[in-house]
Amino acid sequence: IRYPFYMYKAPLFEWLRYNAFIVLYPIGFVAEMRCWYGLIQLLVADWNLYEPILFKLSASSVGGFEFDISLHKWSTFMFYLTPIVGAYLYWSMLLQRSKNKKKKSIKTD
């Protein structure tokens, strides 16, 4: 919706750009969370890949700490991060929508 809006500047695309997200964003965030949840379930139950290491960070010169991220930990982190990022993106689109409405009301006055 964004690119046709920039290309054509038609009122229909402008209306869609600032209103369609109200329905589409929550659907997208729920779908993304469902994908992360499905991956977590697959890693734990079906494949028994609870701890495949994505990357490992260790520094023996700094007290010998070791830090590793597994696919399961990363997926769980992203699962819980999605609603936070989603709320921020939704809020920013609501702000853009209100700014657009204010601009239109000033132009018509």
PDB file of N, CA and C in Angstrom:
ATOM      1  N   ILE A   1       0.836  -1.189   0.000  1.00  0.00           N
ATOM      2  CA  ILE A   1       0.000   0.000   0.000  1.00  0.00           C
ATOM      3  C   ILE A   1       0.877   1.248   0.000  1.00  0.00           C
ATOM      4  N   ARG A   2       2.018   1.174   0.658  1.00  0.00           N
ATOM      5  CA  ARG A   2       2.876   2.352   0.780  1.00  0.00           C
ATOM      6  C   ARG A   2       3.410   2.810  -0.579  1.00  0.00           C
ATOM      7  N   TYR A   3       3.903   1.875  -1.374  1.00  0.00           N
ATOM      8  CA  TYR A   3       4.540   2.276  -2.632  1.00  0.00           C
ATOM      9  C   TYR A   3       3.546   2.784  -3.675  1.00  0.00           C
ATOM     10  N   PRO A   4       2.377   2.146  -3.850  1.00  0.00           N
ATOM     11  CA  PRO A   4       1.397   2.762  -4.758  1.00  0.00           C
ATOM     12  C   PRO A   4       0.980   4.164  -4.285  1.00  0.00           C
ATOM     13  N   PHE A   5       0.946   4.362  -2.975  1.00  0.00           N
ATOM     14  CA  PHE A   5       0.629   5.683  -2.443  1.00  0.00           C
ATOM     15  C   PHE A   5       1.660   6.710  -2.907  1.00  0.00           C
ATOM     16  N   TYR A   6       2.948   6.348  -2.839  1.00  0.00           N
ATOM     17  CA  TYR A   6       3.999   7.269  -3.270  1.00  0.00           C
ATOM     18  C   TYR A   6       4.005   7.455  -4.787  1.00  0.00           C
ATOM     19  N   MET A   7       3.654   6.410  -5.512  1.00  0.00           N
ATOM     20  CA  MET A   7       3.702   6.491  -6.975  1.00  0.00           C
ATOM     21  C   MET A   7       2.550   7.309  -7.552  1.00  0.00           C
ATOM     22  N   TYR A   8       1.339   7.115  -7.037  1.00  0.00           N
ATOM     23  CA  TYR A   8       0.161   7.698  -7.688  1.00  0.00           C
ATOM     24  C   TYR A   8      -0.442   8.881  -6.937  1.00  0.00           C
ATOM     25  N   LYS A   9      -0.225   8.976  -5.653  1.00  0.00           N
ATOM     26  CA  LYS A   9      -0.790  10.066  -4.837  1.00  0.00           C
ATOM     27  C   LYS A   9      -2.308  10.179  -4.999  1.00  0.00           C
ATOM     28  N   ALA A  10      -2.959   9.057  -5.204  1.00  0.00           N
ATOM     29  CA  ALA A  10      -4.418   9.033  -5.350  1.00  0.00           C
ATOM     30  C   ALA A  10      -5.064   9.007  -3.966  1.00  0.00           C
ATOM     31  N   PRO A  11      -6.235   9.632  -3.829  1.00  0.00           N
ATOM     32  CA  PRO A  11      -6.911   9.649  -2.528  1.00  0.00           C
ATOM     33  C   PRO A  11      -7.222   8.250  -1.974  1.00  0.00           C
ATOM     34  N   LEU A  12      -7.530   7.300  -2.854  1.00  0.00           N
ATOM     35  CA  LEU A  12      -7.813   5.945  -2.394  1.00  0.00           C
ATOM     36  C   LEU A  12      -6.586   5.337  -1.722  1.00  0.00           C
ATOM     37  N   PHE A  13      -5.413   5.480  -2.330  1.00  0.00           N
ATOM     38  CA  PHE A  13      -4.192   4.931  -1.741  1.00  0.00           C
ATOM     39  C   PHE A  13      -3.817   5.651  -0.455  1.00  0.00           C
ATOM     40  N   GLU A  14      -4.095   6.932  -0.401  1.00  0.00           N
ATOM     41  CA  GLU A  14      -3.827   7.676   0.830  1.00  0.00           C
ATOM     42  C   GLU A  14      -4.721   7.176   1.956  1.00  0.00           C
ATOM     43  N   TRP A  15      -5.988   6.964   1.654  1.00  0.00           N
ATOM     44  CA  TRP A  15      -6.906   6.449   2.666  1.00  0.00           C
ATOM     45  C   TRP A  15      -6.475   5.052   3.114  1.00  0.00           C
ATOM     46  N   LEU A  16      -6.119   4.197   2.149  1.00  0.00           N
ATOM     47  CA  LEU A  16      -5.676   2.846   2.488  1.00  0.00           C
ATOM     48  C   LEU A  16      -4.405   2.866   3.337  1.00  0.00           C
ATOM     49  N   ARG A  17      -3.464   3.744   2.971  1.00  0.00           N
ATOM     50  CA  ARG A  17      -2.199   3.804   3.705  1.00  0.00           C
ATOM     51  C   ARG A  17      -2.414   4.132   5.172  1.00  0.00           C
ATOM     52  N   TYR A  18      -3.313   5.047   5.460  1.00  0.00           N
ATOM     53  CA  TYR A  18      -3.491   5.498   6.835  1.00  0.00           C
ATOM     54  C   TYR A  18      -4.638   4.803   7.565  1.00  0.00           C
ATOM     55  N   ASN A  19      -5.279   3.802   6.953  1.00  0.00           N
ATOM     56  CA  ASN A  19      -6.360   3.097   7.635  1.00  0.00           C
ATOM     57  C   ASN A  19      -6.236   1.573   7.594  1.00  0.00           C
ATOM     58  N   ALA A  20      -5.636   1.019   6.569  1.00  0.00           N
ATOM     59  CA  ALA A  20      -5.568  -0.438   6.437  1.00  0.00           C
ATOM     60  C   ALA A  20      -4.703  -1.072   7.522  1.00  0.00           C
ATOM     61  N   PHE A  21      -3.719  -0.347   8.030  1.00  0.00           N
ATOM     62  CA  PHE A  21      -2.838  -0.912   9.053  1.00  0.00           C
ATOM     63  C   PHE A  21      -3.600  -1.263  10.323  1.00  0.00           C
ATOM     64  N   ILE A  22      -4.719  -0.593  10.566  1.00  0.00           N
ATOM     65  CA  ILE A  22      -5.498  -0.839  11.786  1.00  0.00           C
ATOM     66  C   ILE A  22      -5.911  -2.307  11.866  1.00  0.00           C
ATOM     67  N   VAL A  23      -6.215  -2.893  10.724  1.00  0.00           N
ATOM     68  CA  VAL A  23      -6.600  -4.310  10.672  1.00  0.00           C
ATOM     69  C   VAL A  23      -5.391  -5.198  10.363  1.00  0.00           C
ATOM     70  N   LEU A  24      -4.533  -4.760   9.454  1.00  0.00           N
ATOM     71  CA  LEU A  24      -3.460  -5.626   8.962  1.00  0.00           C
ATOM     72  C   LEU A  24      -2.314  -5.818   9.954  1.00  0.00           C
ATOM     73  N   TYR A  25      -1.947  -4.789  10.707  1.00  0.00           N
ATOM     74  CA  TYR A  25      -0.836  -4.920  11.649  1.00  0.00           C
ATOM     75  C   TYR A  25      -1.089  -6.001  12.701  1.00  0.00           C
ATOM     76  N   PRO A  26      -2.240  -5.977  13.402  1.00  0.00           N
ATOM     77  CA  PRO A  26      -2.463  -7.039  14.395  1.00  0.00           C
ATOM     78  C   PRO A  26      -2.471  -8.443  13.787  1.00  0.00           C
ATOM     79  N   ILE A  27      -3.024  -8.589  12.606  1.00  0.00           N
ATOM     80  CA  ILE A  27      -3.010  -9.899  11.943  1.00  0.00           C
ATOM     81  C   ILE A  27      -1.573 -10.334  11.690  1.00  0.00           C
ATOM     82  N   GLY A  28      -0.745  -9.430  11.212  1.00  0.00           N
ATOM     83  CA  GLY A  28       0.652  -9.747  10.944  1.00  0.00           C
ATOM     84  C   GLY A  28       1.428 -10.099  12.195  1.00  0.00           C
ATOM     85  N   PHE A  29       1.202  -9.363  13.283  1.00  0.00           N
ATOM     86  CA  PHE A  29       1.933  -9.645  14.522  1.00  0.00           C
ATOM     87  C   PHE A  29       1.512 -10.981  15.123  1.00  0.00           C
ATOM     88  N   VAL A  30       0.227 -11.278  15.075  1.00  0.00           N
ATOM     89  CA  VAL A  30      -0.240 -12.570  15.586  1.00  0.00           C
ATOM     90  C   VAL A  30       0.330 -13.701  14.732  1.00  0.00           C
ATOM     91  N   ALA A  31       0.356 -13.523  13.423  1.00  0.00           N
ATOM     92  CA  ALA A  31       0.916 -14.550  12.540  1.00  0.00           C
ATOM     93  C   ALA A  31       2.408 -14.750  12.814  1.00  0.00           C
ATOM     94  N   GLU A  32       3.124 -13.653  13.032  1.00  0.00           N
ATOM     95  CA  GLU A  32       4.556 -13.769  13.321  1.00  0.00           C
ATOM     96  C   GLU A  32       4.795 -14.485  14.648  1.00  0.00           C
ATOM     97  N   MET A  33       3.996 -14.160  15.655  1.00  0.00           N
ATOM     98  CA  MET A  33       4.137 -14.846  16.935  1.00  0.00           C
ATOM     99  C   MET A  33       3.801 -16.325  16.803  1.00  0.00           C
ATOM    100  N   ARG A  34       2.825 -16.647  15.972  1.00  0.00           N
ATOM    101  CA  ARG A  34       2.469 -18.049  15.744  1.00  0.00           C
ATOM    102  C   ARG A  34       3.639 -18.794  15.081  1.00  0.00           C
ATOM    103  N   CYS A  35       4.321 -18.144  14.169  1.00  0.00           N
ATOM    104  CA  CYS A  35       5.492 -18.759  13.532  1.00  0.00           C
ATOM    105  C   CYS A  35       6.602 -19.004  14.547  1.00  0.00           C
ATOM    106  N   TRP A  36       6.882 -18.021  15.395  1.00  0.00           N
ATOM    107  CA  TRP A  36       7.915 -18.204  16.418  1.00  0.00           C
ATOM    108  C   TRP A  36       7.523 -19.317  17.379  1.00  0.00           C
ATOM    109  N   TYR A  37       6.259 -19.347  17.778  1.00  0.00           N
ATOM    110  CA  TYR A  37       5.780 -20.389  18.695  1.00  0.00           C
ATOM    111  C   TYR A  37       5.911 -21.767  18.045  1.00  0.00           C
ATOM    112  N   GLY A  38       5.553 -21.862  16.776  1.00  0.00           N
ATOM    113  CA  GLY A  38       5.685 -23.126  16.063  1.00  0.00           C
ATOM    114  C   GLY A  38       7.125 -23.589  15.992  1.00  0.00           C
ATOM    115  N   LEU A  39       8.051 -22.660  15.776  1.00  0.00           N
ATOM    116  CA  LEU A  39       9.470 -23.019  15.740  1.00  0.00           C
ATOM    117  C   LEU A  39       9.933 -23.510  17.104  1.00  0.00           C
ATOM    118  N   ILE A  40       9.504 -22.840  18.155  1.00  0.00           N
ATOM    119  CA  ILE A  40       9.881 -23.256  19.504  1.00  0.00           C
ATOM    120  C   ILE A  40       9.371 -24.673  19.777  1.00  0.00           C
ATOM    121  N   GLN A  41       8.123 -24.934  19.417  1.00  0.00           N
ATOM    122  CA  GLN A  41       7.561 -26.273  19.631  1.00  0.00           C
ATOM    123  C   GLN A  41       8.313 -27.323  18.819  1.00  0.00           C
ATOM    124  N   LEU A  42       8.673 -26.973  17.605  1.00  0.00           N
ATOM    125  CA  LEU A  42       9.411 -27.889  16.744  1.00  0.00           C
ATOM    126  C   LEU A  42      10.789 -28.203  17.328  1.00  0.00           C
ATOM    127  N   LEU A  43      11.463 -27.186  17.833  1.00  0.00           N
ATOM    128  CA  LEU A  43      12.795 -27.381  18.401  1.00  0.00           C
ATOM    129  C   LEU A  43      12.754 -28.247  19.655  1.00  0.00           C
ATOM    130  N   VAL A  44      11.761 -28.036  20.490  1.00  0.00           N
ATOM    131  CA  VAL A  44      11.702 -28.736  21.762  1.00  0.00           C
ATOM    132  C   VAL A  44      11.166 -30.160  21.599  1.00  0.00           C
ATOM    133  N   ALA A  45      10.066 -30.315  20.893  1.00  0.00           N
ATOM    134  CA  ALA A  45       9.389 -31.608  20.870  1.00  0.00           C
ATOM    135  C   ALA A  45       9.816 -32.501  19.709  1.00  0.00           C
ATOM    136  N   ASP A  46       9.616 -32.035  18.507  1.00  0.00           N
ATOM    137  CA  ASP A  46       9.757 -32.900  17.343  1.00  0.00           C
ATOM    138  C   ASP A  46      11.202 -33.254  17.023  1.00  0.00           C
ATOM    139  N   TRP A  47      12.067 -32.273  16.975  1.00  0.00           N
ATOM    140  CA  TRP A  47      13.436 -32.533  16.552  1.00  0.00           C
ATOM    141  C   TRP A  47      14.389 -32.758  17.718  1.00  0.00           C
ATOM    142  N   ASN A  48      13.900 -32.415  18.930  1.00  0.00           N
ATOM    143  CA  ASN A  48      14.743 -32.525  20.114  1.00  0.00           C
ATOM    144  C   ASN A  48      16.046 -31.736  19.943  1.00  0.00           C
ATOM    145  N   LEU A  49      15.914 -30.576  19.346  1.00  0.00           N
ATOM    146  CA  LEU A  49      17.064 -29.683  19.134  1.00  0.00           C
ATOM    147  C   LEU A  49      16.980 -28.518  20.105  1.00  0.00           C
ATOM    148  N   TYR A  50      16.904 -28.815  21.362  1.00  0.00           N
ATOM    149  CA  TYR A  50      16.709 -27.780  22.369  1.00  0.00           C
ATOM    150  C   TYR A  50      17.901 -26.840  22.465  1.00  0.00           C
ATOM    151  N   GLU A  51      19.088 -27.309  22.208  1.00  0.00           N
ATOM    152  CA  GLU A  51      20.270 -26.476  22.406  1.00  0.00           C
ATOM    153  C   GLU A  51      21.243 -26.425  21.235  1.00  0.00           C
ATOM    154  N   PRO A  52      20.810 -26.291  19.992  1.00  0.00           N
ATOM    155  CA  PRO A  52      21.821 -26.052  18.958  1.00  0.00           C
ATOM    156  C   PRO A  52      22.369 -24.634  19.128  1.00  0.00           C
ATOM    157  N   ILE A  53      23.646 -24.500  19.184  1.00  0.00           N
ATOM    158  CA  ILE A  53      24.277 -23.213  19.464  1.00  0.00           C
ATOM    159  C   ILE A  53      24.362 -22.389  18.169  1.00  0.00           C
ATOM    160  N   LEU A  54      23.808 -21.184  18.208  1.00  0.00           N
ATOM    161  CA  LEU A  54      23.923 -20.274  17.078  1.00  0.00           C
ATOM    162  C   LEU A  54      25.275 -19.582  17.082  1.00  0.00           C
ATOM    163  N   PHE A  55      25.652 -19.053  18.227  1.00  0.00           N
ATOM    164  CA  PHE A  55      26.989 -18.485  18.348  1.00  0.00           C
ATOM    165  C   PHE A  55      27.426 -18.537  19.806  1.00  0.00           C
ATOM    166  N   LYS A  56      28.713 -18.515  20.002  1.00  0.00           N
ATOM    167  CA  LYS A  56      29.274 -18.606  21.340  1.00  0.00           C
ATOM    168  C   LYS A  56      30.295 -17.490  21.506  1.00  0.00           C
ATOM    169  N   LEU A  57      30.221 -16.813  22.626  1.00  0.00           N
ATOM    170  CA  LEU A  57      31.153 -15.742  22.951  1.00  0.00           C
ATOM    171  C   LEU A  57      31.847 -16.122  24.245  1.00  0.00           C
ATOM    172  N   SER A  58      33.128 -16.199  24.200  1.00  0.00           N
ATOM    173  CA  SER A  58      33.858 -16.496  25.433  1.00  0.00           C
ATOM    174  C   SER A  58      35.113 -15.633  25.482  1.00  0.00           C
ATOM    175  N   ALA A  59      35.462 -15.234  26.680  1.00  0.00           N
ATOM    176  CA  ALA A  59      36.661 -14.418  26.876  1.00  0.00           C
ATOM    177  C   ALA A  59      37.365 -14.906  28.128  1.00  0.00           C
ATOM    178  N   SER A  60      38.399 -15.631  27.936  1.00  0.00           N
ATOM    179  CA  SER A  60      39.126 -16.183  29.091  1.00  0.00           C
ATOM    180  C   SER A  60      39.926 -15.107  29.819  1.00  0.00           C
ATOM    181  N   SER A  61      40.275 -14.016  29.128  1.00  0.00           N
ATOM    182  CA  SER A  61      41.069 -12.967  29.769  1.00  0.00           C
ATOM    183  C   SER A  61      40.233 -12.066  30.667  1.00  0.00           C
ATOM    184  N   VAL A  62      38.911 -12.133  30.549  1.00  0.00           N
ATOM    185  CA  VAL A  62      38.044 -11.266  31.357  1.00  0.00           C
ATOM    186  C   VAL A  62      37.285 -12.132  32.369  1.00  0.00           C
ATOM    187  N   GLY A  63      37.988 -12.812  33.193  1.00  0.00           N
ATOM    188  CA  GLY A  63      37.351 -13.605  34.233  1.00  0.00           C
ATOM    189  C   GLY A  63      36.806 -14.932  33.754  1.00  0.00           C
ATOM    190  N   GLY A  64      37.029 -15.296  32.539  1.00  0.00           N
ATOM    191  CA  GLY A  64      36.626 -16.596  32.031  1.00  0.00           C
ATOM    192  C   GLY A  64      35.134 -16.779  31.834  1.00  0.00           C
ATOM    193  N   PHE A  65      34.414 -15.737  31.456  1.00  0.00           N
ATOM    194  CA  PHE A  65      32.978 -15.901  31.229  1.00  0.00           C
ATOM    195  C   PHE A  65      32.722 -16.528  29.866  1.00  0.00           C
ATOM    196  N   GLU A  66      31.565 -17.139  29.771  1.00  0.00           N
ATOM    197  CA  GLU A  66      31.163 -17.761  28.520  1.00  0.00           C
ATOM    198  C   GLU A  66      29.686 -17.484  28.290  1.00  0.00           C
ATOM    199  N   PHE A  67      29.350 -17.106  27.076  1.00  0.00           N
ATOM    200  CA  PHE A  67      27.979 -16.738  26.748  1.00  0.00           C
ATOM    201  C   PHE A  67      27.622 -17.386  25.424  1.00  0.00           C
ATOM    202  N   ASP A  68      26.523 -18.102  25.395  1.00  0.00           N
ATOM    203  CA  ASP A  68      26.104 -18.716  24.141  1.00  0.00           C
ATOM    204  C   ASP A  68      24.609 -18.494  23.917  1.00  0.00           C
ATOM    205  N   ILE A  69      24.231 -18.437  22.667  1.00  0.00           N
ATOM    206  CA  ILE A  69      22.832 -18.265  22.277  1.00  0.00           C
ATOM    207  C   ILE A  69      22.423 -19.488  21.470  1.00  0.00           C
ATOM    208  N   SER A  70      21.398 -20.152  21.928  1.00  0.00           N
ATOM    209  CA  SER A  70      20.871 -21.294  21.186  1.00  0.00           C
ATOM    210  C   SER A  70      19.696 -20.824  20.333  1.00  0.00           C
ATOM    211  N   LEU A  71      19.331 -21.629  19.383  1.00  0.00           N
ATOM    212  CA  LEU A  71      18.184 -21.315  18.534  1.00  0.00           C
ATOM    213  C   LEU A  71      16.909 -21.245  19.360  1.00  0.00           C
ATOM    214  N   HIS A  72      16.809 -22.091  20.361  1.00  0.00           N
ATOM    215  CA  HIS A  72      15.630 -22.070  21.235  1.00  0.00           C
ATOM    216  C   HIS A  72      15.558 -20.767  22.027  1.00  0.00           C
ATOM    217  N   LYS A  73      16.691 -20.341  22.589  1.00  0.00           N
ATOM    218  CA  LYS A  73      16.712 -19.075  23.355  1.00  0.00           C
ATOM    219  C   LYS A  73      16.399 -17.889  22.449  1.00  0.00           C
ATOM    220  N   TRP A  74      16.980 -17.880  21.263  1.00  0.00           N
ATOM    221  CA  TRP A  74      16.742 -16.788  20.334  1.00  0.00           C
ATOM    222  C   TRP A  74      15.266 -16.736  19.921  1.00  0.00           C
ATOM    223  N   SER A  75      14.690 -17.881  19.621  1.00  0.00           N
ATOM    224  CA  SER A  75      13.285 -17.946  19.218  1.00  0.00           C
ATOM    225  C   SER A  75      12.367 -17.475  20.347  1.00  0.00           C
ATOM    226  N   THR A  76      12.673 -17.884  21.562  1.00  0.00           N
ATOM    227  CA  THR A  76      11.874 -17.460  22.713  1.00  0.00           C
ATOM    228  C   THR A  76      11.989 -15.953  22.917  1.00  0.00           C
ATOM    229  N   PHE A  77      13.192 -15.426  22.792  1.00  0.00           N
ATOM    230  CA  PHE A  77      13.398 -13.972  22.912  1.00  0.00           C
ATOM    231  C   PHE A  77      12.585 -13.224  21.856  1.00  0.00           C
ATOM    232  N   MET A  78      12.636 -13.690  20.614  1.00  0.00           N
ATOM    233  CA  MET A  78      11.891 -13.026  19.538  1.00  0.00           C
ATOM    234  C   MET A  78      10.386 -13.153  19.741  1.00  0.00           C
ATOM    235  N   PHE A  79       9.941 -14.281  20.273  1.00  0.00           N
ATOM    236  CA  PHE A  79       8.520 -14.477  20.560  1.00  0.00           C
ATOM    237  C   PHE A  79       8.028 -13.420  21.535  1.00  0.00           C
ATOM    238  N   TYR A  80       8.786 -13.162  22.597  1.00  0.00           N
ATOM    239  CA  TYR A  80       8.377 -12.167  23.589  1.00  0.00           C
ATOM    240  C   TYR A  80       8.643 -10.734  23.135  1.00  0.00           C
ATOM    241  N   LEU A  81       9.555 -10.545  22.216  1.00  0.00           N
ATOM    242  CA  LEU A  81       9.860  -9.202  21.717  1.00  0.00           C
ATOM    243  C   LEU A  81       8.831  -8.719  20.688  1.00  0.00           C
ATOM    244  N   THR A  82       8.211  -9.631  19.965  1.00  0.00           N
ATOM    245  CA  THR A  82       7.288  -9.268  18.885  1.00  0.00           C
ATOM    246  C   THR A  82       6.143  -8.364  19.346  1.00  0.00           C
ATOM    247  N   PRO A  83       5.441  -8.651  20.453  1.00  0.00           N
ATOM    248  CA  PRO A  83       4.361  -7.728  20.840  1.00  0.00           C
ATOM    249  C   PRO A  83       4.856  -6.344  21.261  1.00  0.00           C
ATOM    250  N   ILE A  84       6.056  -6.285  21.822  1.00  0.00           N
ATOM    251  CA  ILE A  84       6.605  -4.988  22.231  1.00  0.00           C
ATOM    252  C   ILE A  84       6.917  -4.141  20.997  1.00  0.00           C
ATOM    253  N   VAL A  85       7.623  -4.727  20.049  1.00  0.00           N
ATOM    254  CA  VAL A  85       7.943  -4.021  18.805  1.00  0.00           C
ATOM    255  C   VAL A  85       6.656  -3.724  18.032  1.00  0.00           C
ATOM    256  N   GLY A  86       5.738  -4.670  18.025  1.00  0.00           N
ATOM    257  CA  GLY A  86       4.462  -4.479  17.333  1.00  0.00           C
ATOM    258  C   GLY A  86       3.675  -3.312  17.901  1.00  0.00           C
ATOM    259  N   ALA A  87       3.643  -3.202  19.220  1.00  0.00           N
ATOM    260  CA  ALA A  87       2.936  -2.081  19.850  1.00  0.00           C
ATOM    261  C   ALA A  87       3.577  -0.751  19.476  1.00  0.00           C
ATOM    262  N   TYR A  88       4.908  -0.719  19.437  1.00  0.00           N
ATOM    263  CA  TYR A  88       5.613   0.503  19.040  1.00  0.00           C
ATOM    264  C   TYR A  88       5.298   0.880  17.587  1.00  0.00           C
ATOM    265  N   LEU A  89       5.352  -0.094  16.687  1.00  0.00           N
ATOM    266  CA  LEU A  89       5.065   0.183  15.279  1.00  0.00           C
ATOM    267  C   LEU A  89       3.612   0.617  15.080  1.00  0.00           C
ATOM    268  N   TYR A  90       2.697  -0.029  15.786  1.00  0.00           N
ATOM    269  CA  TYR A  90       1.282   0.324  15.691  1.00  0.00           C
ATOM    270  C   TYR A  90       1.057   1.757  16.190  1.00  0.00           C
ATOM    271  N   TRP A  91       1.683   2.086  17.324  1.00  0.00           N
ATOM    272  CA  TRP A  91       1.558   3.423  17.887  1.00  0.00           C
ATOM    273  C   TRP A  91       2.135   4.477  16.936  1.00  0.00           C
ATOM    274  N   SER A  92       3.271   4.190  16.318  1.00  0.00           N
ATOM    275  CA  SER A  92       3.864   5.168  15.401  1.00  0.00           C
ATOM    276  C   SER A  92       2.980   5.373  14.169  1.00  0.00           C
ATOM    277  N   MET A  93       2.325   4.318  13.700  1.00  0.00           N
ATOM    278  CA  MET A  93       1.393   4.485  12.572  1.00  0.00           C
ATOM    279  C   MET A  93       0.160   5.279  12.990  1.00  0.00           C
ATOM    280  N   LEU A  94      -0.308   5.090  14.213  1.00  0.00           N
ATOM    281  CA  LEU A  94      -1.430   5.902  14.696  1.00  0.00           C
ATOM    282  C   LEU A  94      -1.042   7.379  14.756  1.00  0.00           C
ATOM    283  N   LEU A  95       0.191   7.655  15.170  1.00  0.00           N
ATOM    284  CA  LEU A  95       0.662   9.044  15.199  1.00  0.00           C
ATOM    285  C   LEU A  95       0.750   9.624  13.793  1.00  0.00           C
ATOM    286  N   GLN A  96       1.276   8.842  12.844  1.00  0.00           N
ATOM    287  CA  GLN A  96       1.342   9.310  11.455  1.00  0.00           C
ATOM    288  C   GLN A  96      -0.056   9.565  10.910  1.00  0.00           C
ATOM    289  N   ARG A  97      -0.984   8.700  11.263  1.00  0.00           N
ATOM    290  CA  ARG A  97      -2.366   8.858  10.806  1.00  0.00           C
ATOM    291  C   ARG A  97      -2.970  10.156  11.350  1.00  0.00           C
ATOM    292  N   SER A  98      -2.734  10.437  12.628  1.00  0.00           N
ATOM    293  CA  SER A  98      -3.287  11.666  13.196  1.00  0.00           C
ATOM    294  C   SER A  98      -2.625  12.905  12.595  1.00  0.00           C
ATOM    295  N   LYS A  99      -1.322  12.838  12.314  1.00  0.00           N
ATOM    296  CA  LYS A  99      -0.651  13.962  11.655  1.00  0.00           C
ATOM    297  C   LYS A  99      -1.227  14.191  10.265  1.00  0.00           C
ATOM    298  N   ASN A 100      -1.482  13.119   9.541  1.00  0.00           N
ATOM    299  CA  ASN A 100      -2.051  13.235   8.207  1.00  0.00           C
ATOM    300  C   ASN A 100      -3.448  13.844   8.259  1.00  0.00           C
ATOM    301  N   LYS A 101      -4.241  13.441   9.247  1.00  0.00           N
ATOM    302  CA  LYS A 101      -5.585  14.003   9.380  1.00  0.00           C
ATOM    303  C   LYS A 101      -5.533  15.493   9.719  1.00  0.00           C
ATOM    304  N   LYS A 102      -4.574  15.879  10.561  1.00  0.00           N
ATOM    305  CA  LYS A 102      -4.421  17.298  10.908  1.00  0.00           C
ATOM    306  C   LYS A 102      -4.024  18.122   9.692  1.00  0.00           C
ATOM    307  N   LYS A 103      -3.100  17.600   8.886  1.00  0.00           N
ATOM    308  CA  LYS A 103      -2.688  18.299   7.662  1.00  0.00           C
ATOM    309  C   LYS A 103      -3.864  18.478   6.720  1.00  0.00           C
ATOM    310  N   LYS A 104      -4.684  17.447   6.588  1.00  0.00           N
ATOM    311  CA  LYS A 104      -5.838  17.527   5.686  1.00  0.00           C
ATOM    312  C   LYS A 104      -6.852  18.539   6.197  1.00  0.00           C
ATOM    313  N   SER A 105      -7.065  18.593   7.526  1.00  0.00           N
ATOM    314  CA  SER A 105      -8.035  19.533   8.061  1.00  0.00           C
ATOM    315  C   SER A 105      -7.535  20.971   7.930  1.00  0.00           C
ATOM    316  N   ILE A 106      -6.225  21.192   8.028  1.00  0.00           N
ATOM    317  CA  ILE A 106      -5.666  22.534   7.848  1.00  0.00           C
ATOM    318  C   ILE A 106      -5.801  22.966   6.397  1.00  0.00           C
ATOM    319  N   LYS A 107      -5.558  22.056   5.452  1.00  0.00           N
ATOM    320  CA  LYS A 107      -5.670  22.371   4.032  1.00  0.00           C
ATOM    321  C   LYS A 107      -7.098  22.700   3.637  1.00  0.00           C
ATOM    322  N   THR A 108      -8.081  22.039   4.242  1.00  0.00           N
ATOM    323  CA  THR A 108      -9.472  22.279   3.860  1.00  0.00           C
ATOM    324  C   THR A 108     -10.041  23.531   4.507  1.00  0.00           C
ATOM    325  N   ASP A 109      -9.419  24.002   5.589  1.00  0.00           N
ATOM    326  CA  ASP A 109      -9.932  25.209   6.278  1.00  0.00           C
ATOM    327  C   ASP A 109      -9.630  26.465   5.539  1.00  0.00           C
TER     328      ASP A 109
END
